[in-house]
Amino acid sequence: MILDEADTIVFKDLEGFFANTNYKNLKVIGLTATPYSGNVNGIEAYALEMMKYQVYRNNITIKVEDPQVHVRVNLGELSKWKKLLEQYRVNQPMLIYATG
């Protein structure tokens, strides 16, 4: 599961978020530009630590590259997407990035 602006979702209902994402086979990636309101020693940062969530930080010293696109498909019929998903999902993890 990939969540954008994760801090809003996580801290709106912390207990509920933890209960709904604390499964052995579920992986969660939360993205945000302003984690725990910027306070690394605050209660929100402590809550993430208590839930044993791994926090990764990025800054300008890390080179960020564009993701590698393996397949580019024009949006079309649902059957086309279903066939594509069925083809690739058994062999590798998939991230579908929709633009436009």
N, C-alpha and C. Protein backbone atom coordinates (compact mmCIF):
# COMPACT_ATOMS: atom_id res chain seq x y z
N MET A 1 0.85 -1.15 0.00
CA MET A 1 0.00 0.00 0.00
C MET A 1 0.90 1.23 0.00
N ILE A 2 0.64 2.17 -0.87
CA ILE A 2 1.40 3.41 -0.93
C ILE A 2 0.44 4.56 -0.63
N LEU A 3 0.80 5.37 0.35
CA LEU A 3 -0.04 6.49 0.76
C LEU A 3 0.70 7.80 0.55
N ASP A 4 0.08 8.72 -0.15
CA ASP A 4 0.65 10.06 -0.28
C ASP A 4 0.05 10.92 0.83
N GLU A 5 0.82 11.88 1.30
CA GLU A 5 0.43 12.71 2.44
C GLU A 5 0.04 11.81 3.61
N ALA A 6 0.89 10.85 3.90
CA ALA A 6 0.60 9.82 4.89
C ALA A 6 0.40 10.38 6.29
N ASP A 7 1.09 11.46 6.63
CA ASP A 7 0.95 11.99 7.98
C ASP A 7 -0.50 12.36 8.29
N THR A 8 -1.21 12.91 7.33
CA THR A 8 -2.61 13.26 7.53
C THR A 8 -3.44 12.01 7.81
N ILE A 9 -3.21 10.96 7.06
CA ILE A 9 -3.97 9.72 7.20
C ILE A 9 -3.62 9.01 8.51
N VAL A 10 -2.33 8.91 8.81
CA VAL A 10 -1.87 8.19 9.99
C VAL A 10 -2.34 8.88 11.27
N PHE A 11 -2.12 10.18 11.37
CA PHE A 11 -2.37 10.86 12.64
C PHE A 11 -3.81 11.31 12.82
N LYS A 12 -4.64 11.14 11.79
CA LYS A 12 -6.06 11.44 11.95
C LYS A 12 -6.70 10.43 12.90
N ASP A 13 -6.28 9.15 12.78
CA ASP A 13 -6.77 8.08 13.65
C ASP A 13 -5.63 7.08 13.82
N LEU A 14 -4.72 7.38 14.71
CA LEU A 14 -3.51 6.59 14.88
C LEU A 14 -3.82 5.13 15.24
N GLU A 15 -4.69 4.92 16.21
CA GLU A 15 -5.03 3.55 16.61
C GLU A 15 -5.70 2.79 15.47
N GLY A 16 -6.60 3.44 14.77
CA GLY A 16 -7.29 2.81 13.65
C GLY A 16 -6.33 2.47 12.52
N PHE A 17 -5.42 3.40 12.22
CA PHE A 17 -4.44 3.15 11.16
C PHE A 17 -3.57 1.94 11.53
N PHE A 18 -3.11 1.89 12.75
CA PHE A 18 -2.27 0.78 13.18
C PHE A 18 -3.04 -0.54 13.10
N ALA A 19 -4.27 -0.54 13.57
CA ALA A 19 -5.09 -1.76 13.55
C ALA A 19 -5.34 -2.24 12.12
N ASN A 20 -5.50 -1.30 11.19
CA ASN A 20 -5.80 -1.67 9.80
C ASN A 20 -4.57 -1.97 8.96
N THR A 21 -3.39 -1.72 9.47
CA THR A 21 -2.17 -1.96 8.68
C THR A 21 -1.20 -2.91 9.35
N ASN A 22 -1.52 -3.41 10.51
CA ASN A 22 -0.61 -4.27 11.25
C ASN A 22 -0.82 -5.74 10.89
N TYR A 23 -0.52 -6.08 9.63
CA TYR A 23 -0.66 -7.44 9.15
C TYR A 23 0.69 -7.92 8.63
N LYS A 24 0.97 -9.18 8.83
CA LYS A 24 2.27 -9.76 8.47
C LYS A 24 2.62 -9.53 7.00
N ASN A 25 1.68 -9.71 6.10
CA ASN A 25 1.97 -9.65 4.67
C ASN A 25 1.63 -8.30 4.03
N LEU A 26 1.34 -7.31 4.83
CA LEU A 26 1.02 -5.99 4.30
C LEU A 26 2.20 -5.06 4.50
N LYS A 27 2.63 -4.43 3.44
CA LYS A 27 3.71 -3.44 3.50
C LYS A 27 3.11 -2.08 3.20
N VAL A 28 3.49 -1.09 3.97
CA VAL A 28 2.96 0.26 3.80
C VAL A 28 4.12 1.21 3.56
N ILE A 29 4.00 2.01 2.51
CA ILE A 29 4.95 3.09 2.24
C ILE A 29 4.16 4.38 2.35
N GLY A 30 4.54 5.20 3.30
CA GLY A 30 3.88 6.48 3.49
C GLY A 30 4.78 7.61 3.05
N LEU A 31 4.27 8.49 2.21
CA LEU A 31 5.05 9.61 1.70
C LEU A 31 4.50 10.92 2.26
N THR A 32 5.39 11.81 2.63
CA THR A 32 4.99 13.13 3.07
C THR A 32 6.19 14.07 3.04
N ALA A 33 5.94 15.31 2.76
CA ALA A 33 7.01 16.31 2.77
C ALA A 33 7.16 16.92 4.16
N THR A 34 6.16 16.78 5.01
CA THR A 34 6.19 17.39 6.34
C THR A 34 5.84 16.36 7.41
N PRO A 35 6.73 15.39 7.66
CA PRO A 35 6.42 14.36 8.65
C PRO A 35 6.32 14.95 10.05
N TYR A 36 5.37 14.46 10.80
CA TYR A 36 5.11 14.85 12.18
C TYR A 36 5.41 16.33 12.43
N SER A 37 4.86 17.16 11.55
CA SER A 37 4.94 18.62 11.65
C SER A 37 6.37 19.13 11.79
N GLY A 38 7.34 18.35 11.34
CA GLY A 38 8.73 18.76 11.38
C GLY A 38 9.41 18.60 12.72
N ASN A 39 8.71 18.13 13.73
CA ASN A 39 9.28 18.00 15.07
C ASN A 39 9.76 16.56 15.28
N VAL A 40 11.06 16.33 15.09
CA VAL A 40 11.60 14.96 15.18
C VAL A 40 11.59 14.42 16.59
N ASN A 41 11.41 15.27 17.59
CA ASN A 41 11.36 14.82 18.99
C ASN A 41 9.95 14.89 19.56
N GLY A 42 8.95 15.09 18.70
CA GLY A 42 7.58 15.26 19.16
C GLY A 42 6.84 13.95 19.37
N ILE A 43 5.61 14.07 19.82
CA ILE A 43 4.76 12.92 20.13
C ILE A 43 4.46 12.08 18.89
N GLU A 44 4.31 12.71 17.73
CA GLU A 44 4.00 11.96 16.52
C GLU A 44 5.18 11.08 16.11
N ALA A 45 6.40 11.62 16.17
CA ALA A 45 7.59 10.83 15.86
C ALA A 45 7.73 9.67 16.85
N TYR A 46 7.43 9.94 18.10
CA TYR A 46 7.49 8.90 19.13
C TYR A 46 6.46 7.80 18.86
N ALA A 47 5.27 8.19 18.41
CA ALA A 47 4.23 7.21 18.10
C ALA A 47 4.68 6.27 16.99
N LEU A 48 5.30 6.80 15.95
CA LEU A 48 5.81 5.96 14.86
C LEU A 48 6.88 5.00 15.37
N GLU A 49 7.71 5.49 16.27
CA GLU A 49 8.75 4.64 16.86
C GLU A 49 8.13 3.51 17.68
N MET A 50 7.11 3.82 18.45
CA MET A 50 6.44 2.82 19.29
C MET A 50 5.75 1.74 18.44
N MET A 51 5.26 2.13 17.26
CA MET A 51 4.62 1.16 16.38
C MET A 51 5.65 0.38 15.56
N LYS A 52 6.91 0.70 15.77
CA LYS A 52 8.03 0.05 15.10
C LYS A 52 8.03 0.28 13.59
N TYR A 53 7.54 1.44 13.17
CA TYR A 53 7.60 1.82 11.76
C TYR A 53 8.99 2.33 11.45
N GLN A 54 9.53 1.92 10.33
CA GLN A 54 10.83 2.41 9.88
C GLN A 54 10.62 3.75 9.19
N VAL A 55 11.39 4.75 9.56
CA VAL A 55 11.27 6.08 8.97
C VAL A 55 12.53 6.35 8.17
N TYR A 56 12.35 6.68 6.91
CA TYR A 56 13.46 7.05 6.03
C TYR A 56 13.36 8.53 5.74
N ARG A 57 14.49 9.18 5.79
CA ARG A 57 14.51 10.62 5.51
C ARG A 57 15.28 10.86 4.24
N ASN A 58 14.85 11.84 3.50
CA ASN A 58 15.50 12.23 2.27
C ASN A 58 15.93 13.69 2.42
N ASN A 59 16.98 14.06 1.74
CA ASN A 59 17.38 15.47 1.75
C ASN A 59 18.10 15.77 0.44
N ILE A 60 18.60 16.97 0.30
CA ILE A 60 19.19 17.37 -0.98
C ILE A 60 20.50 16.67 -1.28
N THR A 61 21.09 15.97 -0.31
CA THR A 61 22.34 15.27 -0.58
C THR A 61 22.11 13.92 -1.25
N ILE A 62 20.88 13.47 -1.27
CA ILE A 62 20.57 12.18 -1.89
C ILE A 62 20.16 12.42 -3.33
N LYS A 63 20.82 11.74 -4.24
CA LYS A 63 20.48 11.89 -5.66
C LYS A 63 19.17 11.14 -5.93
N VAL A 64 18.20 11.85 -6.43
CA VAL A 64 16.90 11.26 -6.75
C VAL A 64 16.81 11.12 -8.26
N GLU A 65 16.53 9.91 -8.70
CA GLU A 65 16.42 9.65 -10.13
C GLU A 65 14.99 9.34 -10.49
N ASP A 66 14.64 9.60 -11.72
CA ASP A 66 13.32 9.25 -12.20
C ASP A 66 13.17 7.73 -12.18
N PRO A 67 11.98 7.23 -11.86
CA PRO A 67 11.78 5.78 -11.87
C PRO A 67 11.93 5.21 -13.27
N GLN A 68 12.36 3.97 -13.34
CA GLN A 68 12.49 3.31 -14.63
C GLN A 68 11.13 2.76 -15.05
N VAL A 69 10.68 3.15 -16.20
CA VAL A 69 9.39 2.68 -16.72
C VAL A 69 9.67 1.50 -17.65
N HIS A 70 9.11 0.35 -17.30
CA HIS A 70 9.32 -0.86 -18.09
C HIS A 70 8.28 -1.03 -19.18
N VAL A 71 7.06 -0.61 -18.87
CA VAL A 71 5.97 -0.75 -19.83
C VAL A 71 5.15 0.53 -19.79
N ARG A 72 4.86 1.07 -20.95
CA ARG A 72 4.01 2.27 -21.04
C ARG A 72 2.79 1.88 -21.87
N VAL A 73 1.62 2.08 -21.30
CA VAL A 73 0.38 1.67 -21.97
C VAL A 73 -0.60 2.83 -21.94
N ASN A 74 -1.21 3.11 -23.06
CA ASN A 74 -2.26 4.13 -23.09
C ASN A 74 -3.50 3.61 -22.38
N LEU A 75 -4.11 4.47 -21.60
CA LEU A 75 -5.31 4.08 -20.88
C LEU A 75 -6.39 3.69 -21.88
N GLY A 76 -7.02 2.58 -21.61
CA GLY A 76 -8.04 2.09 -22.54
C GLY A 76 -9.04 1.22 -21.82
N GLU A 77 -9.41 0.16 -22.43
CA GLU A 77 -10.42 -0.74 -21.87
C GLU A 77 -9.90 -1.45 -20.64
N LEU A 78 -10.80 -1.74 -19.73
CA LEU A 78 -10.47 -2.44 -18.49
C LEU A 78 -9.86 -3.81 -18.78
N SER A 79 -10.33 -4.49 -19.79
CA SER A 79 -9.81 -5.82 -20.12
C SER A 79 -8.33 -5.75 -20.48
N LYS A 80 -7.91 -4.67 -21.09
CA LYS A 80 -6.51 -4.48 -21.45
C LYS A 80 -5.64 -4.38 -20.19
N TRP A 81 -6.13 -3.62 -19.19
CA TRP A 81 -5.40 -3.49 -17.93
C TRP A 81 -5.38 -4.80 -17.17
N LYS A 82 -6.50 -5.52 -17.17
CA LYS A 82 -6.58 -6.79 -16.45
C LYS A 82 -5.58 -7.78 -17.03
N LYS A 83 -5.50 -7.85 -18.34
CA LYS A 83 -4.56 -8.76 -18.99
C LYS A 83 -3.11 -8.40 -18.64
N LEU A 84 -2.80 -7.12 -18.65
CA LEU A 84 -1.46 -6.66 -18.32
C LEU A 84 -1.10 -6.99 -16.87
N LEU A 85 -2.03 -6.74 -15.96
CA LEU A 85 -1.80 -7.06 -14.54
C LEU A 85 -1.60 -8.55 -14.32
N GLU A 86 -2.44 -9.35 -14.93
CA GLU A 86 -2.32 -10.80 -14.78
C GLU A 86 -0.98 -11.30 -15.31
N GLN A 87 -0.50 -10.68 -16.37
CA GLN A 87 0.76 -11.10 -16.99
C GLN A 87 1.96 -10.84 -16.08
N TYR A 88 2.01 -9.67 -15.45
CA TYR A 88 3.20 -9.27 -14.70
C TYR A 88 3.14 -9.58 -13.20
N ARG A 89 1.97 -9.64 -12.60
CA ARG A 89 1.88 -9.75 -11.14
C ARG A 89 2.44 -11.04 -10.58
N VAL A 90 2.44 -12.10 -11.35
CA VAL A 90 2.94 -13.38 -10.84
C VAL A 90 4.47 -13.43 -10.81
N ASN A 91 5.12 -12.54 -11.54
CA ASN A 91 6.58 -12.57 -11.64
C ASN A 91 7.29 -11.51 -10.83
N GLN A 92 6.61 -10.40 -10.52
CA GLN A 92 7.31 -9.31 -9.88
C GLN A 92 6.33 -8.37 -9.21
N PRO A 93 6.81 -7.59 -8.23
CA PRO A 93 5.94 -6.55 -7.67
C PRO A 93 5.66 -5.51 -8.73
N MET A 94 4.53 -4.85 -8.63
CA MET A 94 4.16 -3.88 -9.65
C MET A 94 3.78 -2.56 -8.99
N LEU A 95 4.18 -1.48 -9.61
CA LEU A 95 3.72 -0.15 -9.25
C LEU A 95 3.16 0.46 -10.51
N ILE A 96 1.90 0.83 -10.46
CA ILE A 96 1.26 1.44 -11.63
C ILE A 96 1.21 2.94 -11.37
N TYR A 97 1.82 3.69 -12.24
CA TYR A 97 1.88 5.14 -12.13
C TYR A 97 1.04 5.72 -13.26
N ALA A 98 -0.09 6.30 -12.89
CA ALA A 98 -1.00 6.86 -13.88
C ALA A 98 -0.77 8.35 -14.01
N THR A 99 -0.66 8.81 -15.23
CA THR A 99 -0.47 10.24 -15.47
C THR A 99 -1.56 10.76 -16.37
N GLY A 100 -1.75 12.06 -16.36
CA GLY A 100 -2.70 12.68 -17.27
C GLY A 100 -4.11 12.69 -16.75
